[in-house]
Protein backbone atom coordinates (compact mmCIF):
# COMPACT_ATOMS: atom_id res chain seq x y z
CA MET A 1 -13.24 -10.76 -20.18
CA HIS A 2 -15.59 -9.51 -17.48
CA ILE A 3 -14.82 -12.58 -15.37
CA LEU A 4 -11.07 -11.89 -15.64
CA ILE A 5 -11.49 -8.23 -14.71
CA TRP A 6 -13.60 -8.94 -11.65
CA THR A 7 -11.51 -11.93 -10.55
CA LEU A 8 -8.35 -9.84 -10.65
CA THR A 9 -10.15 -7.02 -8.88
CA LEU A 10 -11.23 -9.31 -6.06
CA LEU A 11 -7.70 -10.70 -5.79
CA VAL A 12 -6.17 -7.23 -5.56
CA LEU A 13 -8.88 -6.17 -3.11
CA GLY A 14 -7.99 -9.14 -0.92
CA LEU A 15 -4.31 -8.17 -1.03
CA TRP A 16 -5.23 -4.56 -0.26
CA SER A 17 -7.24 -5.76 2.75
CA LEU A 18 -4.34 -7.89 3.93
CA LEU A 19 -2.01 -4.89 3.66
CA ALA A 20 -4.45 -2.75 5.63
CA TRP A 21 -4.75 -5.39 8.33
CA GLY A 22 -0.96 -5.72 8.63
CA THR A 23 -0.50 -1.96 8.75
CA HIS A 24 -3.13 -1.68 11.47
CA ALA A 25 -1.45 -4.46 13.44
CA LEU A 26 1.93 -2.73 13.21
CA LEU A 27 0.61 0.71 14.08
CA THR A 28 -1.20 -0.50 17.18
CA LEU A 29 1.92 -2.15 18.64
CA ASP A 30 3.46 -0.60 21.72
CA PRO A 31 6.07 1.87 20.40
CA SER A 32 8.47 1.16 23.26
CA TRP A 33 10.21 -1.49 21.14
CA VAL A 34 11.93 1.33 19.25
CA GLY A 35 13.79 2.27 22.44
CA SER A 36 15.55 -1.10 22.41
CA LEU A 37 17.27 -0.12 19.15
CA LYS A 38 19.56 2.39 20.88
CA PRO A 39 22.00 -0.17 22.36
CA LEU A 40 22.05 -2.00 19.03
CA VAL A 41 22.99 1.17 17.14
CA GLU A 42 25.93 1.73 19.48
CA LYS A 43 27.20 -1.83 18.80
CA ILE A 44 27.14 -1.65 15.00
CA PRO A 45 30.40 -3.09 13.68
CA TYR A 46 32.80 -0.80 11.81
CA GLY A 47 31.26 2.28 13.42
CA ALA A 48 34.48 4.25 13.04
CA LEU A 49 34.60 3.48 9.32
CA ILE A 50 31.00 4.56 8.89
CA GLU A 51 31.77 7.71 10.91
CA GLY A 52 34.44 8.59 8.34
CA TRP A 53 31.94 8.45 5.52
CA LEU A 54 28.88 9.79 7.36
CA PRO A 55 29.88 12.01 10.28
CA GLY A 56 27.28 11.99 13.06
CA TRP A 57 25.47 8.92 11.75
CA GLN A 58 24.85 7.46 15.21
CA GLU A 59 23.25 10.65 16.51
CA MET A 60 21.16 10.86 13.35
CA LEU A 61 20.02 7.25 13.73
CA LEU A 62 19.18 7.75 17.41
CA ALA A 63 17.22 10.93 16.61
CA LEU A 64 15.38 9.02 13.88
CA ALA A 65 14.54 6.26 16.37
CA ASP A 66 13.13 8.84 18.81
CA LEU A 67 11.09 10.41 16.03
CA THR A 68 9.82 7.00 14.96
CA GLN A 69 8.81 6.16 18.51
CA SER A 70 6.88 9.40 18.95
CA LEU A 71 5.22 9.06 15.53
CA LEU A 72 4.17 5.48 16.24
CA GLY A 73 2.72 6.59 19.57
CA TRP A 74 0.82 9.42 17.92
CA VAL A 75 -0.46 7.48 14.90
CA GLY A 76 -1.16 4.34 16.93
CA GLY A 77 -4.03 6.04 18.72
CA ALA A 78 -5.79 6.85 15.47
CA ALA A 79 -4.65 3.76 13.55
CA GLY A 80 -8.12 2.25 13.26
CA LEU A 81 -9.62 5.37 11.73
CA VAL A 82 -6.66 6.17 9.46
CA VAL A 83 -6.30 2.64 8.13
CA GLY A 84 -10.06 2.24 7.73
CA VAL A 85 -10.40 5.44 5.72
CA LEU A 86 -7.40 4.62 3.52
CA TRP A 87 -8.67 1.07 2.97
CA GLY A 88 -12.10 2.39 2.00
CA LEU A 89 -10.65 4.91 -0.46
CA GLY A 90 -8.41 2.27 -2.00
CA ALA A 91 -11.28 -0.19 -2.29
CA LEU A 92 -13.44 2.44 -3.99
CA VAL A 93 -10.65 3.19 -6.47
CA LEU A 94 -10.19 -0.52 -7.24
CA LEU A 95 -13.90 -1.14 -7.71
CA GLY A 96 -14.26 2.02 -9.79
CA LEU A 97 -11.42 0.99 -12.09
CA ALA A 98 -12.93 -2.47 -12.49
CA ALA A 99 -16.30 -0.95 -13.32
CA LEU A 100 -14.70 1.35 -15.91
CA LEU A 101 -12.82 -1.53 -17.49
CA SER A 102 -15.95 -3.66 -17.54
CA ALA A 103 -17.94 -0.83 -19.12
CA GLY A 104 -15.18 -0.33 -21.68
CA VAL A 105 -15.28 -4.00 -22.62
CA GLY A 106 -19.08 -3.83 -22.98
CA ILE A 107 -18.90 -0.74 -25.17
CA ALA A 108 -16.16 -2.28 -27.32
CA ARG A 109 -18.21 -5.47 -27.79
CA ARG A 110 -21.31 -3.49 -28.74
CA ALA A 111 -19.33 -1.42 -31.24
CA ALA A 112 -17.81 -4.56 -32.76
CA ARG A 113 -21.25 -6.19 -33.10
CA SER A 114 -22.79 -3.11 -34.72
CA ALA A 115 -19.82 -2.79 -37.11
CA ALA A 116 -20.16 -6.47 -38.04
CA ALA A 117 -23.91 -6.09 -38.59
CA ALA A 118 -23.45 -2.97 -40.70
CA ALA A 119 -20.86 -4.55 -42.97
CA PRO A 120 -22.37 -6.15 -46.09
CA SER A 121 -21.94 -9.88 -46.34
CA ALA A 122 -19.46 -11.02 -48.98
CA SER A 123 -21.68 -13.70 -50.59
């Protein structure tokens, strides 16, 4: 059971590391690519139909693109530190949970052995 716990922990830790690496790669990109979304928003098909259901949707989308661009520029400068700290905290949580599960399995095994030793044999 210990092997299963730690194997799954290492697998999840590897996936967590891959997610952190991908997030860091995305956050350190040049945020100017968001500016190229503006002409695409203006060319969305059925814009008049969408305008009937959501008035001001284009302005909202363009404002959201500007906000995204400024946030990516701001966070991109500190991406290494932010992602590193979050990865470290997540890794500590994963390893702590695995240690607790492993300790729980050890305690349960010890309790089962002592209960089996205390029970009188049925001979």
